[in-house]
Amino acid sequence: MWTSILQSFVSTLLFTGLTSAGAVPRALASCNTPSNRACWVTGYNISTDYEKSTPPGGVTRPYTLTITEVDNYVGGDGQVKAKAMLVNGQFPGPVLTADWGDTLQITVVNELELNGTSIHWHGIRQLNNDINDGANGITECPIPPKSSKTYTFLAQQYGTSWYHSHTGVQYANGVTGSILIHGPASLPYDIDLGVFPISDWYYGAADTLAEQIAHGTGAPPPSDNVLFNGSNINPKGAGGQYAKVTLTPGKRHLLRLINPSVENSFSVSLVNHSMTVIATDFVPVDSFTTNSIFMGIGQRYDVTIDASQAVDNYWFNVTYTASGACGSSNNPSPAAIFSYVGAPNALPTSTGTAPPDAACADIVGFTPVVTRTASLSQFTPAPDNLNVTFNGADDPTVFWNVNGNSMQVEWGKPTLEYVREGNTSYPIRENIVSVTAANVWSVWVITNLTPIPHPMHLHGHDFLVLGVSPPQSQPFGAAQRTFSSSDVSSLQLNNPRRRDVTMLPSNGWVVLAFETDNPGAWLFHCHIAWHVSSGLSVQYLERVQDIPGAMNLAAIEPNCNAWNAYYPTDPDKQYDSGI
């Protein structure tokens, strides 16, 4: 069924080095070698459909993540952040590593003073395992202070991702870390450099900023800095240091790029080098070489870099779009240093050529290795409109609304609790969209009537990007583009791009499809923290009739009981969407 959602109106109010790749994967003792990364273990390779089959013999990988808070935290650029929330005392948090087919068992300990928390494992499939998705108010209650919860899930996919708090805007205070799942690759490489998260960084406390933005009269503030794996220099004075990545001359390196930002989307480039993309989010793709990559919030790119240039130091640059529509920073030139073995201990001398303005648009041309094909013959093209609007300048508080309602979950009674009870009287503020048919392609036409692009993320699925309107380099005051029947013939149905975050273009549309093969309550939201805080979300209640048989819903009760016993005494009450 065709469904047109997210038609939005917005006024001007809206607005050090690498972490180790971790334990040696078991496949290194098998067929996975620098000359043949397509192989993993016997019978499993880059062409294996990972949604249908995972390698046997996986082990359980236990982790403990302790969430704490620090006032006046000195960050990786040497500057003081008013309030930080850290994972195991560090930012970014520790890298969770596993092999394809392993099981991760992660105990989250909440040592925050007053706040509950939950951790979402971004992009993880969670097949028949919605209770471990980590979206409080939807799949669970928050973990109360001085309490803990253990999440367990299968590494059904492989590649690069991240984890973050899904409670309010906590992750903007630092509750993030990376996930690395070893598996095959579509291109040979010699050295796995590990993960390289690149994130905006704000010196103010996130909840204070969120309230200022919600009650403000202008655009959100620029980030104070951009941190490369948690490090950078202070752009306005002494302090900090550049993140440094070491390249070995003559070798091909795998680099795992992540954008875990709060508000900033940007392009990345390495002076005098190209990058070859081999995975987008958790989707392996045929190799695709480019000089720069636009990264929306939440997106990941696995790339290879050949160290084929002169032995020297090279800038790895972040650049923003000229329009400022998808973020900006007080650091005028965010950068890290990529240094060849044998290069002098000095700053790079060449600034290179600035990449083309990405106009806040995903790069295209990727072909997934494991194919998917949608057929429009499965659908009745009858729109089911879900209109998302942005309230006007006369309102004292900024909200995004879906059919006149801004999402606001109830922390103490998540959607899965309604399902457990057999209660279908869902509060309208939960913004629930029911998808009942099994194993069909659900197609969504998403229209954006605002000049602000949105990085849209779906939990529980990768989606097919069937089509998208062209980007606009100057979106403010530009013409609106609306999907119509004449655009149907332009849709790519045979193995289109596939991922879990895509940019909804300014004043335009995108057509997405996901297969209804994973019963659960799955959040679909803008990944700009200020927007999701203000309600820009819906949740797909997928195959509600099959959820009780797919997972043990009683497992959410102990944590919910603990939360509901604590919350009446909590002085910090929910003030936003809750997610």
Protein backbone atom coordinates (compact mmCIF):
# COMPACT_ATOMS: atom_id res chain seq x y z
CA MET A 1 0.00 0.00 0.00
CA TRP A 2 1.19 3.48 -0.85
CA THR A 3 1.47 5.69 2.19
CA SER A 4 2.44 9.33 2.03
CA ILE A 5 3.85 10.68 5.27
CA LEU A 6 5.86 13.46 6.74
CA GLN A 7 4.44 16.40 4.84
CA SER A 8 5.91 19.16 6.94
CA PHE A 9 5.79 22.91 7.30
CA VAL A 10 8.56 24.80 9.03
CA SER A 11 9.00 28.47 9.89
CA THR A 12 12.28 30.22 10.48
CA LEU A 13 11.99 29.18 14.12
CA LEU A 14 13.38 25.73 13.31
CA PHE A 15 16.20 26.05 13.02
CA THR A 16 43.39 10.14 19.68
CA GLY A 17 43.42 8.48 16.51
CA LEU A 18 41.53 5.31 15.82
CA THR A 19 40.09 2.84 18.24
CA SER A 20 41.44 -0.67 17.81
CA ALA A 21 39.41 -3.04 15.69
CA GLY A 22 39.22 -5.27 18.76
CA ALA A 23 39.61 -9.01 19.11
CA VAL A 24 41.01 -10.96 16.18
CA PRO A 25 38.04 -12.40 14.24
CA ARG A 26 37.89 -16.15 14.04
CA ALA A 27 37.77 -16.00 10.24
CA LEU A 28 41.38 -14.87 10.10
CA ALA A 29 42.26 -18.50 10.79
CA SER A 30 40.16 -19.54 7.81
CA CYS A 31 39.68 -18.29 4.27
CA ASN A 32 39.46 -14.54 4.98
CA THR A 33 42.84 -13.19 3.85
CA PRO A 34 44.15 -9.85 2.53
CA SER A 35 43.78 -11.15 -1.01
CA ASN A 36 40.32 -12.63 -0.48
CA ARG A 37 38.14 -10.69 1.94
CA ALA A 38 34.98 -11.90 0.20
CA CYS A 39 35.30 -15.25 1.99
CA TRP A 40 34.48 -15.55 5.69
CA VAL A 41 34.20 -19.19 6.79
CA THR A 42 33.26 -22.30 4.86
CA GLY A 43 29.89 -21.79 3.22
CA TYR A 44 29.59 -18.11 4.16
CA ASN A 45 30.86 -15.21 2.10
CA ILE A 46 30.03 -11.75 0.81
CA SER A 47 27.17 -13.17 -1.30
CA THR A 48 25.43 -14.94 1.61
CA ASP A 49 22.05 -13.42 2.40
CA TYR A 50 22.72 -12.38 6.01
CA GLU A 51 19.04 -11.80 6.70
CA LYS A 52 18.38 -15.49 6.04
CA SER A 53 21.52 -17.22 7.27
CA THR A 54 24.29 -16.56 9.80
CA PRO A 55 27.46 -18.60 10.35
CA PRO A 56 27.26 -21.35 12.98
CA GLY A 57 29.64 -21.59 15.89
CA GLY A 58 29.20 -18.06 17.17
CA VAL A 59 30.20 -17.24 20.72
CA THR A 60 28.64 -14.97 23.34
CA ARG A 61 30.42 -11.63 23.74
CA PRO A 62 29.71 -10.15 27.19
CA TYR A 63 30.10 -6.42 27.85
CA THR A 64 29.26 -4.07 30.69
CA LEU A 65 28.53 -0.41 29.96
CA THR A 66 28.28 1.91 32.96
CA ILE A 67 26.66 5.30 32.36
CA THR A 68 27.88 8.13 34.60
CA GLU A 69 27.68 11.92 34.58
CA VAL A 70 30.36 14.53 35.11
CA ASP A 71 29.89 18.27 35.63
CA ASN A 72 32.45 20.57 34.01
CA TYR A 73 33.96 17.75 31.98
CA VAL A 74 37.18 18.52 30.10
CA GLY A 75 36.62 17.06 26.64
CA GLY A 76 38.95 15.82 23.96
CA ASP A 77 39.61 19.36 22.72
CA GLY A 78 40.67 20.55 26.17
CA GLN A 79 37.53 22.60 26.67
CA VAL A 80 34.98 22.35 29.46
CA LYS A 81 31.55 20.87 28.76
CA ALA A 82 28.95 21.90 31.34
CA LYS A 83 27.59 18.38 31.75
CA ALA A 84 28.79 15.15 30.21
CA MET A 85 27.33 11.67 30.39
CA LEU A 86 29.98 9.06 29.73
CA VAL A 87 30.13 5.36 28.96
CA ASN A 88 32.68 3.57 31.16
CA GLY A 89 34.16 6.97 31.98
CA GLN A 90 35.05 7.86 28.41
CA PHE A 91 33.85 9.60 25.25
CA PRO A 92 33.26 8.00 22.90
CA GLY A 93 32.33 4.85 24.77
CA PRO A 94 34.14 1.56 24.26
CA VAL A 95 33.92 -0.24 20.94
CA LEU A 96 31.74 -3.35 21.04
CA THR A 97 33.36 -5.96 18.80
CA ALA A 98 32.05 -9.31 17.62
CA ASP A 99 32.13 -11.67 14.67
CA TRP A 100 29.27 -12.24 12.28
CA GLY A 101 27.03 -14.83 13.96
CA ASP A 102 28.10 -14.06 17.55
CA THR A 103 25.67 -13.08 20.29
CA LEU A 104 26.26 -9.83 22.17
CA GLN A 105 25.19 -9.75 25.81
CA ILE A 106 25.50 -6.22 27.15
CA THR A 107 24.69 -5.17 30.68
CA VAL A 108 23.95 -1.45 30.98
CA VAL A 109 24.43 -0.04 34.49
CA ASN A 110 22.78 3.32 35.15
CA GLU A 111 24.87 5.40 37.55
CA LEU A 112 23.26 8.70 36.56
CA GLU A 113 22.11 10.75 39.51
CA LEU A 114 18.49 11.34 38.54
CA ASN A 115 17.85 10.26 34.96
CA GLY A 116 16.69 6.99 33.53
CA THR A 117 18.40 5.75 30.41
CA SER A 118 18.12 3.22 27.59
CA ILE A 119 20.62 2.15 24.94
CA HIS A 120 19.69 1.63 21.29
CA TRP A 121 21.88 -0.54 19.07
CA HIS A 122 21.63 1.49 15.89
CA GLY A 123 20.92 -0.51 12.74
CA ILE A 124 20.86 -3.90 14.46
CA ARG A 125 18.18 -6.05 12.85
CA GLN A 126 16.71 -7.44 16.10
CA LEU A 127 14.74 -10.09 14.21
CA ASN A 128 11.90 -11.26 16.46
CA ASN A 129 13.73 -9.44 19.26
CA ASP A 130 12.11 -6.02 19.52
CA ILE A 131 12.36 -6.19 23.33
CA ASN A 132 16.13 -5.56 22.99
CA ASP A 133 15.94 -2.58 20.60
CA GLY A 134 16.46 -0.07 23.40
CA ALA A 135 13.86 2.59 22.53
CA ASN A 136 12.29 3.57 25.83
CA GLY A 137 8.59 4.28 25.77
CA ILE A 138 8.28 1.95 22.80
CA THR A 139 10.15 -1.30 23.48
CA GLU A 140 10.98 -0.85 27.17
CA CYS A 141 10.85 1.42 30.19
CA PRO A 142 13.95 3.46 31.04
CA ILE A 143 16.55 1.87 33.30
CA PRO A 144 16.22 3.76 36.61
CA PRO A 145 19.27 5.14 38.44
CA LYS A 146 21.27 2.58 40.45
CA SER A 147 19.79 -0.21 38.35
CA SER A 148 20.84 -2.26 35.35
CA LYS A 149 19.50 -4.15 32.38
CA THR A 150 21.03 -6.78 30.11
CA TYR A 151 20.43 -6.60 26.36
CA THR A 152 21.00 -9.72 24.24
CA PHE A 153 21.01 -9.85 20.46
CA LEU A 154 22.47 -11.74 17.52
CA ALA A 155 25.07 -10.20 15.23
CA GLN A 156 22.98 -11.11 12.20
CA GLN A 157 24.62 -8.40 10.12
CA TYR A 158 28.28 -7.44 9.87
CA GLY A 159 30.07 -4.15 9.43
CA THR A 160 30.04 -0.88 11.33
CA SER A 161 27.51 0.85 13.54
CA TRP A 162 27.10 2.61 16.87
CA TYR A 163 25.06 2.65 20.04
CA HIS A 164 23.54 5.58 21.89
CA SER A 165 21.06 6.57 24.56
CA HIS A 166 17.50 6.81 23.28
CA THR A 167 16.25 8.75 26.30
CA GLY A 168 15.60 12.41 25.52
CA VAL A 169 18.75 14.13 24.25
CA GLN A 170 21.15 12.21 26.49
CA TYR A 171 23.37 11.08 23.65
CA ALA A 172 24.21 14.74 22.98
CA ASN A 173 25.89 14.69 26.39
CA GLY A 174 28.14 11.82 25.31
CA VAL A 175 26.26 8.52 25.70
CA THR A 176 27.53 6.99 22.46
CA GLY A 177 30.00 4.37 21.27
CA SER A 178 30.79 2.24 18.24
CA ILE A 179 29.90 -1.30 17.15
CA LEU A 180 32.23 -3.35 14.93
CA ILE A 181 31.08 -6.73 13.66
CA HIS A 182 33.76 -8.52 11.66
CA GLY A 183 32.66 -10.15 8.42
CA PRO A 184 33.48 -10.43 4.72
CA ALA A 185 34.06 -7.46 2.42
CA SER A 186 33.56 -6.78 -1.27
CA LEU A 187 37.15 -5.61 -1.81
CA PRO A 188 40.52 -6.93 -0.58
CA TYR A 189 42.41 -4.88 2.02
CA ASP A 190 45.55 -5.31 4.09
CA ILE A 191 44.92 -3.44 7.36
CA ASP A 192 41.69 -2.86 9.29
CA LEU A 193 42.11 0.54 10.96
CA GLY A 194 38.95 0.13 13.02
CA VAL A 195 36.18 2.65 13.66
CA PHE A 196 36.48 6.39 13.18
CA PRO A 197 33.45 8.25 14.59
CA ILE A 198 33.19 11.93 13.66
CA SER A 199 30.78 13.90 15.83
CA ASP A 200 29.69 17.43 16.54
CA TRP A 201 30.37 18.56 20.11
CA TYR A 202 28.56 21.13 22.26
CA TYR A 203 29.96 22.71 25.40
CA GLY A 204 26.52 23.39 26.85
CA ALA A 205 24.43 20.71 28.57
CA ALA A 206 22.19 18.97 26.03
CA ASP A 207 18.95 19.31 27.96
CA THR A 208 19.58 23.04 28.42
CA LEU A 209 20.25 23.45 24.69
CA ALA A 210 17.17 21.42 23.78
CA GLU A 211 14.93 23.60 25.92
CA GLN A 212 16.49 26.78 24.52
CA ILE A 213 15.90 25.55 20.97
CA ALA A 214 12.34 24.46 21.76
CA HIS A 215 11.53 27.90 23.17
CA GLY A 216 13.77 29.90 20.85
CA THR A 217 13.15 32.11 17.85
CA GLY A 218 15.98 31.14 15.54
CA ALA A 219 18.08 28.32 14.16
CA PRO A 220 19.80 25.82 16.48
CA PRO A 221 23.29 26.97 17.45
CA PRO A 222 26.32 25.71 15.52
CA SER A 223 28.33 22.99 17.19
CA ASP A 224 31.24 24.27 19.26
CA ASN A 225 33.61 21.75 17.70
CA VAL A 226 33.86 18.55 15.70
CA LEU A 227 35.64 15.63 17.36
CA PHE A 228 37.38 12.85 15.46
CA ASN A 229 37.15 9.75 17.63
CA GLY A 230 36.75 12.11 20.58
CA SER A 231 39.67 14.42 19.84
CA ASN A 232 40.50 17.70 18.13
CA ILE A 233 42.25 20.98 18.81
CA ASN A 234 40.42 23.89 20.39
CA PRO A 235 39.53 26.10 17.40
CA LYS A 236 39.66 29.26 19.53
CA GLY A 237 42.76 28.78 21.62
CA ALA A 238 45.08 26.35 23.35
CA GLY A 239 44.05 22.81 24.20
CA GLY A 240 43.39 19.45 22.64
CA GLN A 241 45.18 17.76 19.78
CA TYR A 242 44.45 16.56 16.30
CA ALA A 243 43.34 12.97 15.95
CA LYS A 244 45.97 11.04 14.03
CA VAL A 245 45.59 7.98 11.82
CA THR A 246 48.65 6.06 10.61
CA LEU A 247 48.86 4.68 7.07
CA THR A 248 51.43 2.12 5.94
CA PRO A 249 52.95 2.93 2.53
CA GLY A 250 51.88 0.57 -0.21
CA LYS A 251 49.05 -0.97 1.81
CA ARG A 252 45.28 -0.82 1.43
CA HIS A 253 43.48 0.18 4.62
CA LEU A 254 39.88 -0.38 5.72
CA LEU A 255 38.46 2.63 7.58
CA ARG A 256 35.04 2.52 9.25
CA LEU A 257 33.45 5.99 9.22
CA ILE A 258 30.53 6.85 11.53
CA ASN A 259 28.55 10.08 11.96
CA PRO A 260 27.09 9.90 15.50
CA SER A 261 26.33 13.62 15.59
CA VAL A 262 23.54 15.54 17.26
CA GLU A 263 22.76 18.09 14.54
CA ASN A 264 25.59 18.17 11.98
CA SER A 265 25.69 16.35 8.66
CA PHE A 266 28.77 16.96 6.53
CA SER A 267 31.17 15.77 3.83
CA VAL A 268 34.51 14.10 4.49
CA SER A 269 37.56 13.96 2.22
CA LEU A 270 41.26 13.07 2.43
CA VAL A 271 43.65 15.39 0.62
CA ASN A 272 45.23 13.77 -2.47
CA HIS A 273 43.45 10.46 -1.85
CA SER A 274 40.26 8.83 -3.01
CA MET A 275 38.11 6.52 -0.91
CA THR A 276 36.43 3.35 -2.13
CA VAL A 277 33.11 2.61 -0.44
CA ILE A 278 32.42 -1.07 0.27
CA ALA A 279 29.51 -0.78 2.73
CA THR A 280 26.78 1.77 3.42
CA ASP A 281 25.37 1.43 6.93
CA PHE A 282 25.17 -2.35 7.45
CA VAL A 283 24.82 -3.13 3.72
CA PRO A 284 27.82 -4.47 1.76
CA VAL A 285 28.00 -2.87 -1.69
CA ASP A 286 30.01 -3.30 -4.86
CA SER A 287 33.08 -1.10 -4.60
CA PHE A 288 32.51 2.54 -5.54
CA THR A 289 35.34 5.10 -5.62
CA THR A 290 34.82 8.76 -4.78
CA ASN A 291 36.82 11.78 -3.63
CA SER A 292 34.36 12.79 -0.90
CA ILE A 293 31.46 11.31 1.04
CA PHE A 294 28.45 13.10 2.48
CA MET A 295 27.49 11.63 5.86
CA GLY A 296 24.05 12.20 7.33
CA ILE A 297 23.59 11.73 11.07
CA GLY A 298 23.59 8.03 11.92
CA GLN A 299 25.11 6.93 8.62
CA ARG A 300 28.20 4.74 8.30
CA TYR A 301 30.56 4.08 5.43
CA ASP A 302 33.18 1.36 5.29
CA VAL A 303 35.86 2.60 2.90
CA THR A 304 39.25 1.47 1.70
CA ILE A 305 42.16 3.89 1.31
CA ASP A 306 45.28 3.05 -0.68
CA ALA A 307 48.46 4.53 0.83
CA SER A 308 49.90 5.17 -2.62
CA GLN A 309 50.98 8.81 -2.29
CA ALA A 310 54.27 10.33 -1.14
CA VAL A 311 55.25 9.61 2.46
CA ASP A 312 53.83 12.67 4.19
CA ASN A 313 51.00 13.99 6.38
CA TYR A 314 47.57 14.71 4.90
CA TRP A 315 44.49 16.55 6.15
CA PHE A 316 41.28 14.57 6.57
CA ASN A 317 38.67 17.32 6.30
CA VAL A 318 35.06 17.87 7.31
CA THR A 319 33.19 20.42 5.19
CA TYR A 320 29.64 21.76 5.41
CA THR A 321 27.15 22.76 2.75
CA ALA A 322 27.17 26.45 1.89
CA SER A 323 23.46 26.81 2.69
CA GLY A 324 23.93 25.71 6.30
CA ALA A 325 20.73 23.69 5.99
CA CYS A 326 22.20 20.55 7.57
CA GLY A 327 24.45 21.99 10.23
CA SER A 328 27.47 24.17 10.90
CA SER A 329 30.27 24.51 13.44
CA ASN A 330 32.20 27.21 15.25
CA ASN A 331 35.29 25.33 14.15
CA PRO A 332 35.89 26.78 10.67
CA SER A 333 38.12 23.90 9.53
CA PRO A 334 37.44 20.61 11.34
CA ALA A 335 40.19 18.13 10.47
CA ALA A 336 42.25 15.12 11.53
CA ILE A 337 45.71 14.10 10.30
CA PHE A 338 46.46 10.97 8.29
CA SER A 339 50.15 10.28 8.56
CA TYR A 340 52.24 7.81 6.57
CA VAL A 341 54.76 5.70 8.47
CA GLY A 342 58.05 7.56 8.10
CA ALA A 343 56.48 11.01 7.66
CA PRO A 344 57.93 13.92 9.70
CA ASN A 345 56.19 14.95 12.92
CA ALA A 346 54.62 18.04 11.39
CA LEU A 347 51.29 19.44 10.28
CA PRO A 348 50.23 18.79 6.69
CA THR A 349 51.22 21.56 4.29
CA SER A 350 48.62 21.11 1.53
CA THR A 351 44.99 22.00 2.11
CA GLY A 352 43.94 20.36 -1.13
CA THR A 353 40.81 21.24 -3.07
CA ALA A 354 37.47 21.58 -1.34
CA PRO A 355 34.99 18.86 -2.39
CA PRO A 356 31.81 19.77 -4.27
CA ASP A 357 28.93 21.07 -2.17
CA ALA A 358 26.84 17.98 -1.35
CA ALA A 359 23.65 20.03 -0.86
CA CYS A 360 22.81 17.81 2.13
CA ALA A 361 22.11 14.87 -0.19
CA ASP A 362 23.18 11.25 0.00
CA ILE A 363 25.67 10.17 -2.60
CA VAL A 364 24.20 7.58 -4.97
CA GLY A 365 25.47 4.85 -7.25
CA PHE A 366 25.76 2.07 -4.68
CA THR A 367 24.77 -1.46 -5.64
CA PRO A 368 24.12 -3.87 -2.74
CA VAL A 369 25.93 -7.17 -3.06
CA VAL A 370 22.95 -9.13 -1.69
CA THR A 371 20.04 -8.17 -3.91
CA ARG A 372 16.49 -7.13 -3.10
CA THR A 373 13.72 -6.37 -5.58
CA ALA A 374 10.38 -4.69 -4.97
CA SER A 375 7.37 -4.99 -7.24
CA LEU A 376 4.71 -2.32 -7.41
CA SER A 377 2.21 -4.96 -8.48
CA GLN A 378 1.97 -5.92 -4.81
CA PHE A 379 0.44 -2.61 -3.84
CA THR A 380 -2.80 -0.73 -4.17
CA PRO A 381 -1.69 2.87 -4.78
CA ALA A 382 -4.17 4.43 -2.36
CA PRO A 383 -2.44 7.05 -0.19
CA ASP A 384 -2.83 6.84 3.56
CA ASN A 385 -1.70 10.33 4.50
CA LEU A 386 0.17 11.03 7.70
CA ASN A 387 0.84 14.76 7.65
CA VAL A 388 3.70 16.06 9.73
CA THR A 389 3.61 19.78 10.44
CA PHE A 390 5.74 22.23 12.33
CA ASN A 391 3.84 24.59 14.60
CA GLY A 392 4.01 28.28 13.90
CA ALA A 393 5.98 31.20 15.27
CA ASP A 394 3.20 32.30 17.61
CA ASP A 395 3.47 29.16 19.74
CA PRO A 396 5.75 29.37 22.78
CA THR A 397 7.18 25.87 22.23
CA VAL A 398 8.43 24.23 19.04
CA PHE A 399 6.81 20.89 18.16
CA TRP A 400 6.78 18.67 15.12
CA ASN A 401 3.35 17.11 14.69
CA VAL A 402 2.02 14.05 12.89
CA ASN A 403 -1.64 14.44 11.98
CA GLY A 404 -1.78 17.27 14.50
CA ASN A 405 0.09 15.34 17.19
CA SER A 406 3.69 15.54 18.29
CA MET A 407 5.07 12.17 19.38
CA GLN A 408 5.31 11.86 23.12
CA VAL A 409 5.83 8.39 24.51
CA GLU A 410 4.96 7.35 28.05
CA TRP A 411 8.15 6.12 29.68
CA GLY A 412 6.31 3.94 32.18
CA LYS A 413 4.11 2.17 29.64
CA PRO A 414 5.88 1.32 26.39
CA THR A 415 4.05 0.22 23.27
CA LEU A 416 5.05 -3.40 23.81
CA GLU A 417 3.25 -3.30 27.18
CA TYR A 418 0.03 -2.44 25.33
CA VAL A 419 0.68 -5.39 23.05
CA ARG A 420 1.33 -7.69 26.02
CA GLU A 421 -1.98 -6.65 27.57
CA GLY A 422 -3.87 -6.99 24.27
CA ASN A 423 -4.84 -3.33 24.69
CA THR A 424 -5.36 -1.56 21.36
CA SER A 425 -6.36 1.80 22.89
CA TYR A 426 -3.06 3.43 21.99
CA PRO A 427 -2.69 7.08 23.00
CA ILE A 428 -2.81 9.30 19.95
CA ARG A 429 0.44 11.00 21.02
CA GLU A 430 2.27 7.70 20.47
CA ASN A 431 1.92 8.25 16.69
CA ILE A 432 1.38 4.56 15.95
CA VAL A 433 1.01 3.43 12.35
CA SER A 434 -0.30 -0.12 12.06
CA VAL A 435 1.20 -2.36 9.39
CA THR A 436 -0.59 -5.73 9.60
CA ALA A 437 0.17 -7.67 6.40
CA ALA A 438 3.01 -10.19 6.62
CA ASN A 439 5.96 -10.54 4.26
CA VAL A 440 5.03 -7.82 1.79
CA TRP A 441 6.80 -4.63 0.79
CA SER A 442 5.43 -1.62 2.63
CA VAL A 443 6.07 1.47 0.49
CA TRP A 444 6.16 5.02 1.84
CA VAL A 445 6.23 8.31 -0.02
CA ILE A 446 7.76 10.82 2.37
CA THR A 447 7.28 14.47 1.44
CA ASN A 448 9.14 17.33 3.08
CA LEU A 449 7.59 20.78 2.77
CA THR A 450 10.50 22.46 4.54
CA PRO A 451 13.93 23.68 3.43
CA ILE A 452 15.49 21.69 6.29
CA PRO A 453 16.61 18.17 5.25
CA HIS A 454 16.13 15.32 7.70
CA PRO A 455 18.26 12.19 8.19
CA MET A 456 15.50 9.59 8.62
CA HIS A 457 16.26 6.37 10.49
CA LEU A 458 14.16 3.21 10.72
CA HIS A 459 14.62 0.70 13.54
CA GLY A 460 14.36 -3.03 12.89
CA HIS A 461 14.88 -2.87 9.13
CA ASP A 462 17.03 -1.79 6.26
CA PHE A 463 14.86 -0.03 3.69
CA LEU A 464 15.07 0.20 -0.08
CA VAL A 465 15.50 3.73 -1.43
CA LEU A 466 13.31 3.49 -4.53
CA GLY A 467 13.58 7.12 -5.55
CA VAL A 468 14.37 10.63 -4.35
CA SER A 469 13.87 14.14 -5.64
CA PRO A 470 17.00 16.05 -6.78
CA PRO A 471 18.92 18.04 -4.13
CA GLN A 472 18.79 21.82 -3.89
CA SER A 473 21.99 23.73 -3.21
CA GLN A 474 20.00 26.79 -2.04
CA PRO A 475 16.88 25.33 -0.39
CA PHE A 476 15.60 28.45 1.36
CA GLY A 477 12.92 29.94 -0.85
CA ALA A 478 13.34 27.18 -3.44
CA ALA A 479 10.49 25.47 -5.24
CA GLN A 480 8.63 22.59 -3.64
CA ARG A 481 8.79 19.17 -5.30
CA THR A 482 5.93 16.71 -4.70
CA PHE A 483 5.81 13.07 -5.74
CA SER A 484 3.17 12.36 -8.36
CA SER A 485 2.02 9.49 -10.54
CA SER A 486 4.40 10.66 -13.26
CA ASP A 487 7.32 9.85 -10.94
CA VAL A 488 6.37 6.18 -10.57
CA SER A 489 8.24 5.17 -13.72
CA SER A 490 11.45 6.69 -12.33
CA LEU A 491 11.51 4.43 -9.27
CA GLN A 492 14.30 1.86 -9.13
CA LEU A 493 12.78 -1.45 -8.10
CA ASN A 494 15.56 -3.87 -9.00
CA ASN A 495 18.20 -3.88 -6.23
CA PRO A 496 18.17 -0.17 -5.37
CA ARG A 497 20.25 1.44 -2.63
CA ARG A 498 19.52 -0.05 0.78
CA ARG A 499 20.37 1.27 4.25
CA ASP A 500 18.85 2.30 7.60
CA VAL A 501 19.36 6.11 7.39
CA THR A 502 18.63 8.27 4.36
CA MET A 503 18.33 11.99 3.80
CA LEU A 504 14.85 13.37 3.24
CA PRO A 505 15.72 16.22 0.89
CA SER A 506 14.82 19.86 1.34
CA ASN A 507 11.47 20.76 -0.24
CA GLY A 508 11.30 17.28 -1.74
CA TRP A 509 10.46 13.63 -1.38
CA VAL A 510 11.92 10.16 -0.97
CA VAL A 511 10.24 6.80 -1.61
CA LEU A 512 11.19 3.99 0.77
CA ALA A 513 10.14 0.36 1.08
CA PHE A 514 10.68 -2.21 3.83
CA GLU A 515 9.58 -5.83 4.02
CA THR A 516 7.11 -6.68 6.76
CA ASP A 517 9.10 -9.65 8.03
CA ASN A 518 9.95 -8.47 11.58
CA PRO A 519 7.05 -8.17 14.05
CA GLY A 520 7.52 -5.36 16.52
CA ALA A 521 7.08 -1.68 17.35
CA TRP A 522 9.73 0.08 15.26
CA LEU A 523 10.58 3.74 15.59
CA PHE A 524 11.00 5.82 12.42
CA HIS A 525 12.43 9.23 13.19
CA CYS A 526 14.59 12.15 12.21
CA HIS A 527 18.05 11.66 13.72
CA ILE A 528 18.61 15.35 14.46
CA ALA A 529 18.41 15.19 18.25
CA TRP A 530 16.55 18.49 18.55
CA HIS A 531 13.91 17.33 16.04
CA VAL A 532 13.25 13.92 17.57
CA SER A 533 13.07 15.62 20.98
CA SER A 534 10.36 17.86 19.51
CA GLY A 535 8.34 14.93 18.22
CA LEU A 536 9.44 14.21 14.63
CA SER A 537 8.77 10.48 14.83
CA VAL A 538 6.25 7.78 14.13
CA GLN A 539 6.33 4.14 15.13
CA TYR A 540 5.34 1.29 12.89
CA LEU A 541 3.43 -1.33 14.82
CA GLU A 542 4.31 -4.20 12.52
CA ARG A 543 2.21 -7.36 12.57
CA VAL A 544 0.89 -6.76 16.08
CA GLN A 545 -0.89 -10.11 15.97
CA ASP A 546 2.46 -11.92 15.63
CA ILE A 547 4.46 -10.02 18.27
CA PRO A 548 3.50 -12.14 21.34
CA GLY A 549 4.56 -15.33 19.58
CA ALA A 550 7.84 -13.85 18.34
CA MET A 551 9.32 -12.81 21.71
CA ASN A 552 8.81 -13.03 25.45
CA LEU A 553 6.99 -9.81 26.25
CA ALA A 554 7.02 -10.62 29.97
CA ALA A 555 10.77 -9.92 29.90
CA ILE A 556 10.10 -6.16 29.90
CA GLU A 557 8.19 -6.29 33.18
CA PRO A 558 11.02 -6.31 35.80
CA ASN A 559 12.62 -3.16 34.44
CA CYS A 560 9.25 -1.43 34.02
CA ASN A 561 8.34 -2.31 37.61
CA ALA A 562 11.63 -0.82 38.79
CA TRP A 563 11.12 2.31 36.71
CA ASN A 564 7.53 2.87 37.81
CA ALA A 565 8.57 2.50 41.45
CA TYR A 566 11.30 5.12 40.97
CA TYR A 567 9.66 7.73 38.73
CA PRO A 568 7.27 9.32 41.25
CA THR A 569 10.32 10.44 43.25
CA ASP A 570 12.27 11.67 40.22
CA PRO A 571 12.53 15.49 40.23
CA ASP A 572 13.44 15.51 36.51
CA LYS A 573 10.16 14.78 34.78
CA GLN A 574 9.75 14.10 31.08
CA TYR A 575 9.53 17.39 29.18
CA ASP A 576 9.88 16.31 25.53
CA SER A 577 9.01 13.39 23.26
CA GLY A 578 10.90 11.09 25.60
CA ILE A 579 12.97 9.47 22.88
